[in-house]
C-alpha atoms as a PDB file:
ATOM      1  CA  UNK A   1     141.885 248.593  32.783  1.00  0.00           C
ATOM      2  CA  UNK A   2     143.358 245.976  30.586  1.00  0.00           C
ATOM      3  CA  UNK A   3     142.210 244.720  27.206  1.00  0.00           C
ATOM      4  CA  UNK A   4     143.326 241.770  25.171  1.00  0.00           C
ATOM      5  CA  UNK A   5     141.797 240.396  21.968  1.00  0.00           C
ATOM      6  CA  UNK A   6     138.710 242.575  22.392  1.00  0.00           C
ATOM      7  CA  UNK A   7     138.283 241.600  26.109  1.00  0.00           C
ATOM      8  CA  UNK A   8     138.276 244.680  28.265  1.00  0.00           C
ATOM      9  CA  UNK A   9     138.189 244.601  32.076  1.00  0.00           C
ATOM     10  CA  UNK A  10     139.740 245.517  35.391  1.00  0.00           C
ATOM     11  CA  UNK A  11     142.751 243.497  36.565  1.00  0.00           C
ATOM     12  CA  UNK A  12     141.800 241.957  39.917  1.00  0.00           C
ATOM     13  CA  UNK A  13     144.471 239.330  40.398  1.00  0.00           C
ATOM     14  CA  UNK A  14     147.726 238.055  38.908  1.00  0.00           C
ATOM     15  CA  UNK A  15     149.849 234.918  39.061  1.00  0.00           C
ATOM     16  CA  UNK A  16     153.140 234.054  37.401  1.00  0.00           C
ATOM     17  CA  UNK A  17     151.329 232.831  34.267  1.00  0.00           C
ATOM     18  CA  UNK A  18     147.947 234.588  34.247  1.00  0.00           C
ATOM     19  CA  UNK A  19     145.994 237.805  34.703  1.00  0.00           C
ATOM     20  CA  UNK A  20     142.529 237.668  36.105  1.00  0.00           C
ATOM     21  CA  UNK A  21     140.142 240.291  34.835  1.00  0.00           C
ATOM     22  CA  UNK A  22     136.730 241.352  36.010  1.00  0.00           C
ATOM     23  CA  UNK A  23     134.593 241.533  32.874  1.00  0.00           C
ATOM     24  CA  UNK A  24     130.924 242.444  33.143  1.00  0.00           C
ATOM     25  CA  UNK A  25     130.833 241.231  36.748  1.00  0.00           C
ATOM     26  CA  UNK A  26     132.487 237.927  36.014  1.00  0.00           C
ATOM     27  CA  UNK A  27     136.054 236.736  36.376  1.00  0.00           C
ATOM     28  CA  UNK A  28     138.027 235.905  33.210  1.00  0.00           C
ATOM     29  CA  UNK A  29     141.515 234.304  33.430  1.00  0.00           C
ATOM     30  CA  UNK A  30     143.918 235.009  30.558  1.00  0.00           C
ATOM     31  CA  UNK A  31     147.319 233.403  30.022  1.00  0.00           C
ATOM     32  CA  UNK A  32     150.207 235.958  29.800  1.00  0.00           C
ATOM     33  CA  UNK A  33     152.341 233.854  27.516  1.00  0.00           C
ATOM     34  CA  UNK A  34     151.563 234.555  23.852  1.00  0.00           C
ATOM     35  CA  UNK A  35     149.207 237.468  24.478  1.00  0.00           C
ATOM     36  CA  UNK A  36     149.582 241.177  24.240  1.00  0.00           C
ATOM     37  CA  UNK A  37     147.860 243.547  26.618  1.00  0.00           C
ATOM     38  CA  UNK A  38     146.931 247.259  26.579  1.00  0.00           C
ATOM     39  CA  UNK A  39     146.915 248.628  30.105  1.00  0.00           C
ATOM     40  CA  UNK A  40     145.381 252.018  30.952  1.00  0.00           C
ATOM     41  CA  UNK A  41     146.300 253.624  34.224  1.00  0.00           C
ATOM     42  CA  UNK A  42     146.587 257.165  35.466  1.00  0.00           C
ATOM     43  CA  UNK A  43     145.793 258.602  32.022  1.00  0.00           C
ATOM     44  CA  UNK A  44     148.629 256.616  30.422  1.00  0.00           C
ATOM     45  CA  UNK A  45     148.406 253.706  27.997  1.00  0.00           C
ATOM     46  CA  UNK A  46     150.996 250.895  27.999  1.00  0.00           C
ATOM     47  CA  UNK A  47     151.259 248.095  25.466  1.00  0.00           C
ATOM     48  CA  UNK A  48     152.792 245.014  27.070  1.00  0.00           C
ATOM     49  CA  UNK A  49     153.724 241.606  25.720  1.00  0.00           C
ATOM     50  CA  UNK A  50     152.541 238.904  28.163  1.00  0.00           C
ATOM     51  CA  UNK A  51     155.887 237.122  27.780  1.00  0.00           C
ATOM     52  CA  UNK A  52     157.672 240.143  29.169  1.00  0.00           C
ATOM     53  CA  UNK A  53     155.672 240.058  32.455  1.00  0.00           C
ATOM     54  CA  UNK A  54     155.580 236.239  32.782  1.00  0.00           C
ATOM     55  CA  UNK A  55     156.789 236.309  36.359  1.00  0.00           C
ATOM     56  CA  UNK A  56     155.435 236.795  39.843  1.00  0.00           C
ATOM     57  CA  UNK A  57     154.127 240.349  40.315  1.00  0.00           C
ATOM     58  CA  UNK A  58     156.611 241.219  43.048  1.00  0.00           C
ATOM     59  CA  UNK A  59     159.582 240.097  40.850  1.00  0.00           C
ATOM     60  CA  UNK A  60     159.067 242.888  38.251  1.00  0.00           C
ATOM     61  CA  UNK A  61     157.765 245.508  40.759  1.00  0.00           C
ATOM     62  CA  UNK A  62     161.235 245.936  42.259  1.00  0.00           C
END
């Protein structure tokens, strides 16, 4: 789960500059740059600045 500015949904895709969330059965694309995200996974909560993850997913997964 990811929420940003009151938008809460499941992350279904990611590009270098965006996160795509599924919100109420619809896709919502959010820019990473300039936004902050709260990600919940495995019982943990992470607060992430979009600028810190503004890269391709495999570049920060290493």
